[in-house]
PDB file of N, CA and C in Angstrom:
ATOM      1  N   UNK A   1     -77.325  99.911 152.681  1.00  0.00           N
ATOM      2  CA  UNK A   1     -78.083 101.072 152.259  1.00  0.00           C
ATOM      3  C   UNK A   1     -79.184 101.394 153.274  1.00  0.00           C
ATOM      4  N   UNK A   2     -79.859 100.344 153.735  1.00  0.00           N
ATOM      5  CA  UNK A   2     -80.936 100.549 154.703  1.00  0.00           C
ATOM      6  C   UNK A   2     -80.381 101.112 156.015  1.00  0.00           C
ATOM      7  N   UNK A   3     -79.180 100.645 156.397  1.00  0.00           N
ATOM      8  CA  UNK A   3     -78.565 101.127 157.632  1.00  0.00           C
ATOM      9  C   UNK A   3     -78.205 102.613 157.508  1.00  0.00           C
ATOM     10  N   UNK A   4     -77.701 103.029 156.348  1.00  0.00           N
ATOM     11  CA  UNK A   4     -77.374 104.439 156.127  1.00  0.00           C
ATOM     12  C   UNK A   4     -78.635 105.303 156.203  1.00  0.00           C
ATOM     13  N   UNK A   5     -79.707 104.823 155.610  1.00  0.00           N
ATOM     14  CA  UNK A   5     -80.971 105.554 155.635  1.00  0.00           C
ATOM     15  C   UNK A   5     -81.472 105.698 157.070  1.00  0.00           C
ATOM     16  N   UNK A   6     -81.424 104.619 157.825  1.00  0.00           N
ATOM     17  CA  UNK A   6     -81.875 104.650 159.218  1.00  0.00           C
ATOM     18  C   UNK A   6     -81.013 105.609 160.034  1.00  0.00           C
ATOM     19  N   UNK A   7     -79.715 105.557 159.835  1.00  0.00           N
ATOM     20  CA  UNK A   7     -78.806 106.453 160.547  1.00  0.00           C
ATOM     21  C   UNK A   7     -79.097 107.910 160.193  1.00  0.00           C
ATOM     22  N   UNK A   8     -79.297 108.171 158.915  1.00  0.00           N
ATOM     23  CA  UNK A   8     -79.608 109.537 158.477  1.00  0.00           C
ATOM     24  C   UNK A   8     -80.917 110.022 159.093  1.00  0.00           C
ATOM     25  N   UNK A   9     -81.906 109.167 159.164  1.00  0.00           N
ATOM     26  CA  UNK A   9     -83.194 109.542 159.751  1.00  0.00           C
ATOM     27  C   UNK A   9     -83.046 109.848 161.243  1.00  0.00           C
ATOM     28  N   UNK A  10     -82.261 109.060 161.951  1.00  0.00           N
ATOM     29  CA  UNK A  10     -82.036 109.287 163.380  1.00  0.00           C
ATOM     30  C   UNK A  10     -81.322 110.621 163.589  1.00  0.00           C
ATOM     31  N   UNK A  11     -80.314 110.906 162.785  1.00  0.00           N
ATOM     32  CA  UNK A  11     -79.579 112.166 162.889  1.00  0.00           C
ATOM     33  C   UNK A  11     -80.513 113.345 162.624  1.00  0.00           C
ATOM     34  N   UNK A  12     -81.356 113.238 161.602  1.00  0.00           N
ATOM     35  CA  UNK A  12     -82.297 114.321 161.289  1.00  0.00           C
ATOM     36  C   UNK A  12     -83.311 114.506 162.413  1.00  0.00           C
ATOM     37  N   UNK A  13     -83.757 113.426 163.013  1.00  0.00           N
ATOM     38  CA  UNK A  13     -84.710 113.512 164.117  1.00  0.00           C
ATOM     39  C   UNK A  13     -84.084 114.212 165.323  1.00  0.00           C
ATOM     40  N   UNK A  14     -82.853 113.851 165.638  1.00  0.00           N
ATOM     41  CA  UNK A  14     -82.146 114.482 166.756  1.00  0.00           C
ATOM     42  C   UNK A  14     -81.963 115.978 166.482  1.00  0.00           C
ATOM     43  N   UNK A  15     -81.592 116.328 165.262  1.00  0.00           N
ATOM     44  CA  UNK A  15     -81.421 117.742 164.902  1.00  0.00           C
ATOM     45  C   UNK A  15     -82.746 118.494 165.015  1.00  0.00           C
ATOM     46  N   UNK A  16     -83.822 117.883 164.555  1.00  0.00           N
ATOM     47  CA  UNK A  16     -85.139 118.527 164.615  1.00  0.00           C
ATOM     48  C   UNK A  16     -85.569 118.763 166.057  1.00  0.00           C
ATOM     49  N   UNK A  17     -85.318 117.803 166.923  1.00  0.00           N
ATOM     50  CA  UNK A  17     -85.666 117.957 168.339  1.00  0.00           C
ATOM     51  C   UNK A  17     -84.854 119.100 168.951  1.00  0.00           C
ATOM     52  N   UNK A  18     -83.591 119.196 168.602  1.00  0.00           N
ATOM     53  CA  UNK A  18     -82.746 120.277 169.113  1.00  0.00           C
ATOM     54  C   UNK A  18     -83.241 121.643 168.664  1.00  0.00           C
ATOM     55  N   UNK A  19     -83.606 121.762 167.403  1.00  0.00           N
ATOM     56  CA  UNK A  19     -84.134 123.025 166.877  1.00  0.00           C
ATOM     57  C   UNK A  19     -85.448 123.363 167.562  1.00  0.00           C
ATOM     58  N   UNK A  20     -86.319 122.384 167.724  1.00  0.00           N
ATOM     59  CA  UNK A  20     -87.609 122.607 168.376  1.00  0.00           C
ATOM     60  C   UNK A  20     -87.422 123.097 169.808  1.00  0.00           C
ATOM     61  N   UNK A  21     -86.461 122.526 170.510  1.00  0.00           N
ATOM     62  CA  UNK A  21     -86.201 122.939 171.889  1.00  0.00           C
ATOM     63  C   UNK A  21     -85.745 124.395 171.943  1.00  0.00           C
ATOM     64  N   UNK A  22     -84.857 124.793 171.042  1.00  0.00           N
ATOM     65  CA  UNK A  22     -84.370 126.173 171.010  1.00  0.00           C
ATOM     66  C   UNK A  22     -85.515 127.132 170.703  1.00  0.00           C
ATOM     67  N   UNK A  23     -86.342 126.797 169.719  1.00  0.00           N
ATOM     68  CA  UNK A  23     -87.484 127.647 169.363  1.00  0.00           C
ATOM     69  C   UNK A  23     -88.451 127.749 170.532  1.00  0.00           C
ATOM     70  N   UNK A  24     -88.711 126.637 171.207  1.00  0.00           N
ATOM     71  CA  UNK A  24     -89.610 126.639 172.362  1.00  0.00           C
ATOM     72  C   UNK A  24     -89.064 127.522 173.474  1.00  0.00           C
ATOM     73  N   UNK A  25     -87.775 127.436 173.738  1.00  0.00           N
ATOM     74  CA  UNK A  25     -87.154 128.268 174.771  1.00  0.00           C
ATOM     75  C   UNK A  25     -87.229 129.747 174.401  1.00  0.00           C
ATOM     76  N   UNK A  26     -86.987 130.067 173.124  1.00  0.00           N
ATOM     77  CA  UNK A  26     -87.069 131.461 172.684  1.00  0.00           C
ATOM     78  C   UNK A  26     -88.494 131.985 172.819  1.00  0.00           C
ATOM     79  N   UNK A  27     -89.475 131.172 172.453  1.00  0.00           N
ATOM     80  CA  UNK A  27     -90.870 131.589 172.564  1.00  0.00           C
ATOM     81  C   UNK A  27     -91.274 131.781 174.018  1.00  0.00           C
ATOM     82  N   UNK A  28     -90.799 130.922 174.908  1.00  0.00           N
ATOM     83  CA  UNK A  28     -91.103 131.066 176.333  1.00  0.00           C
ATOM     84  C   UNK A  28     -90.476 132.351 176.875  1.00  0.00           C
ATOM     85  N   UNK A  29     -89.262 132.636 176.444  1.00  0.00           N
ATOM     86  CA  UNK A  29     -88.566 133.860 176.855  1.00  0.00           C
ATOM     87  C   UNK A  29     -89.361 135.080 176.394  1.00  0.00           C
ATOM     88  N   UNK A  30     -89.785 135.062 175.141  1.00  0.00           N
ATOM     89  CA  UNK A  30     -90.568 136.174 174.595  1.00  0.00           C
ATOM     90  C   UNK A  30     -91.928 136.280 175.271  1.00  0.00           C
ATOM     91  N   UNK A  31     -92.549 135.143 175.567  1.00  0.00           N
ATOM     92  CA  UNK A  31     -93.861 135.159 176.224  1.00  0.00           C
ATOM     93  C   UNK A  31     -93.779 135.828 177.586  1.00  0.00           C
ATOM     94  N   UNK A  32     -92.679 135.617 178.291  1.00  0.00           N
ATOM     95  CA  UNK A  32     -92.544 136.273 179.590  1.00  0.00           C
ATOM     96  C   UNK A  32     -92.348 137.780 179.418  1.00  0.00           C
ATOM     97  N   UNK A  33     -91.880 138.204 178.258  1.00  0.00           N
ATOM     98  CA  UNK A  33     -91.755 139.629 177.972  1.00  0.00           C
ATOM     99  C   UNK A  33     -93.070 140.282 177.586  1.00  0.00           C
ATOM    100  N   UNK A  34     -94.044 139.463 177.191  1.00  0.00           N
ATOM    101  CA  UNK A  34     -95.329 139.998 176.743  1.00  0.00           C
ATOM    102  C   UNK A  34     -96.034 140.796 177.838  1.00  0.00           C
ATOM    103  N   UNK A  35     -96.125 140.246 179.032  1.00  0.00           N
ATOM    104  CA  UNK A  35     -96.821 140.965 180.110  1.00  0.00           C
ATOM    105  C   UNK A  35     -96.053 142.225 180.507  1.00  0.00           C
ATOM    106  N   UNK A  36     -94.729 142.147 180.469  1.00  0.00           N
ATOM    107  CA  UNK A  36     -93.912 143.331 180.756  1.00  0.00           C
ATOM    108  C   UNK A  36     -94.155 144.411 179.705  1.00  0.00           C
ATOM    109  N   UNK A  37     -94.183 143.994 178.444  1.00  0.00           N
ATOM    110  CA  UNK A  37     -94.439 144.934 177.352  1.00  0.00           C
ATOM    111  C   UNK A  37     -95.811 145.590 177.524  1.00  0.00           C
ATOM    112  N   UNK A  38     -96.822 144.763 177.818  1.00  0.00           N
ATOM    113  CA  UNK A  38     -98.180 145.302 177.972  1.00  0.00           C
ATOM    114  C   UNK A  38     -98.248 146.349 179.079  1.00  0.00           C
ATOM    115  N   UNK A  39     -97.552 146.112 180.173  1.00  0.00           N
ATOM    116  CA  UNK A  39     -97.645 147.030 181.311  1.00  0.00           C
ATOM    117  C   UNK A  39     -96.765 148.276 181.165  1.00  0.00           C
ATOM    118  N   UNK A  40     -95.680 148.183 180.404  1.00  0.00           N
ATOM    119  CA  UNK A  40     -94.729 149.292 180.357  1.00  0.00           C
ATOM    120  C   UNK A  40     -94.642 150.000 179.003  1.00  0.00           C
ATOM    121  N   UNK A  41     -95.030 149.334 177.922  1.00  0.00           N
ATOM    122  CA  UNK A  41     -94.742 149.866 176.584  1.00  0.00           C
ATOM    123  C   UNK A  41     -95.959 150.022 175.666  1.00  0.00           C
ATOM    124  N   UNK A  42     -96.916 149.129 175.813  1.00  0.00           N
ATOM    125  CA  UNK A  42     -98.005 149.029 174.845  1.00  0.00           C
ATOM    126  C   UNK A  42     -98.804 150.318 174.668  1.00  0.00           C
ATOM    127  N   UNK A  43     -99.021 151.053 175.733  1.00  0.00           N
ATOM    128  CA  UNK A  43     -99.856 152.256 175.616  1.00  0.00           C
ATOM    129  C   UNK A  43     -99.270 153.276 174.636  1.00  0.00           C
ATOM    130  N   UNK A  44     -97.959 153.297 174.487  1.00  0.00           N
ATOM    131  CA  UNK A  44     -97.326 154.242 173.554  1.00  0.00           C
ATOM    132  C   UNK A  44     -96.861 153.594 172.249  1.00  0.00           C
ATOM    133  N   UNK A  45     -96.440 152.338 172.314  1.00  0.00           N
ATOM    134  CA  UNK A  45     -95.829 151.695 171.147  1.00  0.00           C
ATOM    135  C   UNK A  45     -96.736 150.692 170.450  1.00  0.00           C
ATOM    136  N   UNK A  46     -98.004 150.603 170.868  1.00  0.00           N
ATOM    137  CA  UNK A  46     -98.946 149.710 170.202  1.00  0.00           C
ATOM    138  C   UNK A  46     -98.844 148.281 170.684  1.00  0.00           C
ATOM    139  N   UNK A  47     -99.738 147.430 170.169  1.00  0.00           N
ATOM    140  CA  UNK A  47     -99.853 146.063 170.682  1.00  0.00           C
ATOM    141  C   UNK A  47     -98.618 145.204 170.437  1.00  0.00           C
ATOM    142  N   UNK A  48     -97.857 145.466 169.392  1.00  0.00           N
ATOM    143  CA  UNK A  48     -96.681 144.635 169.096  1.00  0.00           C
ATOM    144  C   UNK A  48     -95.476 145.480 168.691  1.00  0.00           C
ATOM    145  N   UNK A  49     -95.465 146.731 169.110  1.00  0.00           N
ATOM    146  CA  UNK A  49     -94.301 147.572 168.854  1.00  0.00           C
ATOM    147  C   UNK A  49     -94.357 148.390 167.584  1.00  0.00           C
ATOM    148  N   UNK A  50     -95.485 148.338 166.877  1.00  0.00           N
ATOM    149  CA  UNK A  50     -95.604 149.039 165.603  1.00  0.00           C
ATOM    150  C   UNK A  50     -95.823 150.534 165.707  1.00  0.00           C
ATOM    151  N   UNK A  51     -95.984 151.012 166.918  1.00  0.00           N
ATOM    152  CA  UNK A  51     -96.145 152.445 167.117  1.00  0.00           C
ATOM    153  C   UNK A  51     -97.588 152.836 167.380  1.00  0.00           C
ATOM    154  N   UNK A  52     -97.754 153.864 168.140  1.00  0.00           N
ATOM    155  CA  UNK A  52     -99.045 154.507 168.418  1.00  0.00           C
ATOM    156  C   UNK A  52     -98.685 155.975 168.644  1.00  0.00           C
ATOM    157  N   UNK A  53     -98.740 156.435 169.872  1.00  0.00           N
ATOM    158  CA  UNK A  53     -98.259 157.798 170.138  1.00  0.00           C
ATOM    159  C   UNK A  53     -96.732 157.823 170.186  1.00  0.00           C
ATOM    160  N   UNK A  54     -96.129 156.661 170.449  1.00  0.00           N
ATOM    161  CA  UNK A  54     -94.675 156.503 170.411  1.00  0.00           C
ATOM    162  C   UNK A  54     -94.265 155.865 169.086  1.00  0.00           C
ATOM    163  N   UNK A  55     -92.978 155.856 168.771  1.00  0.00           N
ATOM    164  CA  UNK A  55     -92.519 155.335 167.479  1.00  0.00           C
ATOM    165  C   UNK A  55     -92.570 153.806 167.377  1.00  0.00           C
ATOM    166  N   UNK A  56     -92.482 153.331 166.137  1.00  0.00           N
ATOM    167  CA  UNK A  56     -92.351 151.910 165.836  1.00  0.00           C
ATOM    168  C   UNK A  56     -90.984 151.463 166.362  1.00  0.00           C
ATOM    169  N   UNK A  57     -90.963 150.441 167.202  1.00  0.00           N
ATOM    170  CA  UNK A  57     -89.697 149.984 167.799  1.00  0.00           C
ATOM    171  C   UNK A  57     -89.260 148.620 167.274  1.00  0.00           C
ATOM    172  N   UNK A  58     -89.967 148.099 166.281  1.00  0.00           N
ATOM    173  CA  UNK A  58     -89.671 146.749 165.791  1.00  0.00           C
ATOM    174  C   UNK A  58     -88.328 146.626 165.098  1.00  0.00           C
ATOM    175  N   UNK A  59     -87.804 147.700 164.557  1.00  0.00           N
ATOM    176  CA  UNK A  59     -86.521 147.605 163.848  1.00  0.00           C
ATOM    177  C   UNK A  59     -85.323 147.964 164.726  1.00  0.00           C
ATOM    178  N   UNK A  60     -85.573 148.283 165.979  1.00  0.00           N
ATOM    179  CA  UNK A  60     -84.486 148.650 166.898  1.00  0.00           C
ATOM    180  C   UNK A  60     -83.580 147.450 167.185  1.00  0.00           C
ATOM    181  N   UNK A  61     -82.271 147.673 167.138  1.00  0.00           N
ATOM    182  CA  UNK A  61     -81.340 146.636 167.588  1.00  0.00           C
ATOM    183  C   UNK A  61     -81.489 146.505 169.100  1.00  0.00           C
ATOM    184  N   UNK A  62     -81.031 145.393 169.646  1.00  0.00           N
ATOM    185  CA  UNK A  62     -81.154 145.219 171.090  1.00  0.00           C
ATOM    186  C   UNK A  62     -80.408 146.313 171.848  1.00  0.00           C
ATOM    187  N   UNK A  63     -79.192 146.623 171.419  1.00  0.00           N
ATOM    188  CA  UNK A  63     -78.402 147.632 172.139  1.00  0.00           C
ATOM    189  C   UNK A  63     -79.073 149.004 172.115  1.00  0.00           C
ATOM    190  N   UNK A  64     -79.621 149.381 170.987  1.00  0.00           N
ATOM    191  CA  UNK A  64     -80.325 150.657 170.879  1.00  0.00           C
ATOM    192  C   UNK A  64     -81.584 150.658 171.745  1.00  0.00           C
ATOM    193  N   UNK A  65     -82.304 149.550 171.712  1.00  0.00           N
ATOM    194  CA  UNK A  65     -83.520 149.391 172.512  1.00  0.00           C
ATOM    195  C   UNK A  65     -83.194 149.483 174.003  1.00  0.00           C
ATOM    196  N   UNK A  66     -82.161 148.762 174.409  1.00  0.00           N
ATOM    197  CA  UNK A  66     -81.753 148.748 175.815  1.00  0.00           C
ATOM    198  C   UNK A  66     -81.363 150.153 176.285  1.00  0.00           C
ATOM    199  N   UNK A  67     -80.608 150.857 175.463  1.00  0.00           N
ATOM    200  CA  UNK A  67     -80.184 152.214 175.818  1.00  0.00           C
ATOM    201  C   UNK A  67     -81.400 153.127 175.987  1.00  0.00           C
ATOM    202  N   UNK A  68     -82.363 153.032 175.081  1.00  0.00           N
ATOM    203  CA  UNK A  68     -83.570 153.865 175.166  1.00  0.00           C
ATOM    204  C   UNK A  68     -84.372 153.536 176.417  1.00  0.00           C
ATOM    205  N   UNK A  69     -84.485 152.248 176.731  1.00  0.00           N
ATOM    206  CA  UNK A  69     -85.250 151.839 177.915  1.00  0.00           C
ATOM    207  C   UNK A  69     -84.559 152.327 179.186  1.00  0.00           C
ATOM    208  N   UNK A  70     -83.269 152.130 179.270  1.00  0.00           N
ATOM    209  CA  UNK A  70     -82.518 152.512 180.475  1.00  0.00           C
ATOM    210  C   UNK A  70     -82.410 154.031 180.658  1.00  0.00           C
ATOM    211  N   UNK A  71     -82.200 154.757 179.557  1.00  0.00           N
ATOM    212  CA  UNK A  71     -81.953 156.197 179.640  1.00  0.00           C
ATOM    213  C   UNK A  71     -83.179 157.054 179.356  1.00  0.00           C
ATOM    214  N   UNK A  72     -84.159 156.471 178.690  1.00  0.00           N
ATOM    215  CA  UNK A  72     -85.309 157.249 178.259  1.00  0.00           C
ATOM    216  C   UNK A  72     -84.991 157.997 176.975  1.00  0.00           C
ATOM    217  N   UNK A  73     -86.009 158.556 176.376  1.00  0.00           N
ATOM    218  CA  UNK A  73     -85.879 159.363 175.164  1.00  0.00           C
ATOM    219  C   UNK A  73     -86.880 160.497 175.276  1.00  0.00           C
ATOM    220  N   UNK A  74     -86.842 161.405 174.333  1.00  0.00           N
ATOM    221  CA  UNK A  74     -87.793 162.512 174.351  1.00  0.00           C
ATOM    222  C   UNK A  74     -89.221 161.960 174.392  1.00  0.00           C
ATOM    223  N   UNK A  75     -89.947 162.323 175.427  1.00  0.00           N
ATOM    224  CA  UNK A  75     -91.323 161.859 175.582  1.00  0.00           C
ATOM    225  C   UNK A  75     -91.457 160.489 176.216  1.00  0.00           C
ATOM    226  N   UNK A  76     -90.330 159.855 176.542  1.00  0.00           N
ATOM    227  CA  UNK A  76     -90.353 158.515 177.134  1.00  0.00           C
ATOM    228  C   UNK A  76     -89.534 158.509 178.416  1.00  0.00           C
ATOM    229  N   UNK A  77     -90.115 158.023 179.499  1.00  0.00           N
ATOM    230  CA  UNK A  77     -89.353 157.971 180.750  1.00  0.00           C
ATOM    231  C   UNK A  77     -88.295 156.872 180.712  1.00  0.00           C
ATOM    232  N   UNK A  78     -87.297 156.997 181.550  1.00  0.00           N
ATOM    233  CA  UNK A  78     -86.286 155.953 181.712  1.00  0.00           C
ATOM    234  C   UNK A  78     -86.831 154.879 182.648  1.00  0.00           C
ATOM    235  N   UNK A  79     -86.485 153.646 182.355  1.00  0.00           N
ATOM    236  CA  UNK A  79     -86.841 152.517 183.214  1.00  0.00           C
ATOM    237  C   UNK A  79     -85.541 151.927 183.752  1.00  0.00           C
ATOM    238  N   UNK A  80     -84.859 152.691 184.584  1.00  0.00           N
ATOM    239  CA  UNK A  80     -83.532 152.333 185.085  1.00  0.00           C
ATOM    240  C   UNK A  80     -83.522 151.064 185.915  1.00  0.00           C
ATOM    241  N   UNK A  81     -84.641 150.739 186.540  1.00  0.00           N
ATOM    242  CA  UNK A  81     -84.673 149.570 187.423  1.00  0.00           C
ATOM    243  C   UNK A  81     -84.806 148.250 186.668  1.00  0.00           C
ATOM    244  N   UNK A  82     -85.102 148.292 185.371  1.00  0.00           N
ATOM    245  CA  UNK A  82     -85.244 147.047 184.614  1.00  0.00           C
ATOM    246  C   UNK A  82     -83.874 146.438 184.332  1.00  0.00           C
ATOM    247  N   UNK A  83     -83.752 145.153 184.569  1.00  0.00           N
ATOM    248  CA  UNK A  83     -82.492 144.447 184.310  1.00  0.00           C
ATOM    249  C   UNK A  83     -82.315 144.215 182.810  1.00  0.00           C
ATOM    250  N   UNK A  84     -81.098 143.902 182.416  1.00  0.00           N
ATOM    251  CA  UNK A  84     -80.822 143.584 181.010  1.00  0.00           C
ATOM    252  C   UNK A  84     -81.642 142.385 180.556  1.00  0.00           C
ATOM    253  N   UNK A  85     -81.803 141.397 181.433  1.00  0.00           N
ATOM    254  CA  UNK A  85     -82.593 140.211 181.092  1.00  0.00           C
ATOM    255  C   UNK A  85     -84.049 140.585 180.859  1.00  0.00           C
ATOM    256  N   UNK A  86     -84.590 141.425 181.704  1.00  0.00           N
ATOM    257  CA  UNK A  86     -85.976 141.867 181.549  1.00  0.00           C
ATOM    258  C   UNK A  86     -86.149 142.641 180.247  1.00  0.00           C
ATOM    259  N   UNK A  87     -85.214 143.516 179.950  1.00  0.00           N
ATOM    260  CA  UNK A  87     -85.268 144.287 178.704  1.00  0.00           C
ATOM    261  C   UNK A  87     -85.169 143.352 177.509  1.00  0.00           C
ATOM    262  N   UNK A  88     -84.323 142.343 177.605  1.00  0.00           N
ATOM    263  CA  UNK A  88     -84.169 141.367 176.517  1.00  0.00           C
ATOM    264  C   UNK A  88     -85.476 140.609 176.287  1.00  0.00           C
ATOM    265  N   UNK A  89     -86.184 140.254 177.349  1.00  0.00           N
ATOM    266  CA  UNK A  89     -87.470 139.568 177.215  1.00  0.00           C
ATOM    267  C   UNK A  89     -88.471 140.433 176.460  1.00  0.00           C
ATOM    268  N   UNK A  90     -88.524 141.705 176.806  1.00  0.00           N
ATOM    269  CA  UNK A  90     -89.440 142.623 176.119  1.00  0.00           C
ATOM    270  C   UNK A  90     -89.046 142.749 174.650  1.00  0.00           C
ATOM    271  N   UNK A  91     -87.757 142.914 174.381  1.00  0.00           N
ATOM    272  CA  UNK A  91     -87.260 143.042 173.012  1.00  0.00           C
ATOM    273  C   UNK A  91     -87.586 141.790 172.198  1.00  0.00           C
ATOM    274  N   UNK A  92     -87.389 140.623 172.796  1.00  0.00           N
ATOM    275  CA  UNK A  92     -87.700 139.362 172.104  1.00  0.00           C
ATOM    276  C   UNK A  92     -89.178 139.287 171.758  1.00  0.00           C
ATOM    277  N   UNK A  93     -90.041 139.691 172.688  1.00  0.00           N
ATOM    278  CA  UNK A  93     -91.477 139.673 172.421  1.00  0.00           C
ATOM    279  C   UNK A  93     -91.805 140.523 171.194  1.00  0.00           C
ATOM    280  N   UNK A  94     -91.209 141.693 171.110  1.00  0.00           N
ATOM    281  CA  UNK A  94     -91.468 142.590 169.981  1.00  0.00           C
ATOM    282  C   UNK A  94     -90.941 141.996 168.672  1.00  0.00           C
ATOM    283  N   UNK A  95     -89.875 141.216 168.739  1.00  0.00           N
ATOM    284  CA  UNK A  95     -89.220 140.713 167.527  1.00  0.00           C
ATOM    285  C   UNK A  95     -89.602 139.293 167.127  1.00  0.00           C
ATOM    286  N   UNK A  96     -90.511 138.658 167.838  1.00  0.00           N
ATOM    287  CA  UNK A  96     -90.938 137.301 167.437  1.00  0.00           C
ATOM    288  C   UNK A  96     -92.330 137.369 166.880  1.00  0.00           C
TER     289      UNK A  96
END
């Protein structure tokens, strides 16, 4: 019984470390999007995407967000030079 308990605890610890690593990586990815968001989006979309002179972008799917960033929208310029990875970082920042 003690061996089963120890084994279960080790398995749970390994799983927790794996989850923590994924969350840490996602947060780091989003953090790198923060400065990009501040320089390119914040003046119109607010501090975290909730809207200001531009619309609230927090509910946008990634594909919709990417299309708007690449092509522009009414009142918003296109950012054609931004890579998909860069756009994903900005989107993650808004959604975390």
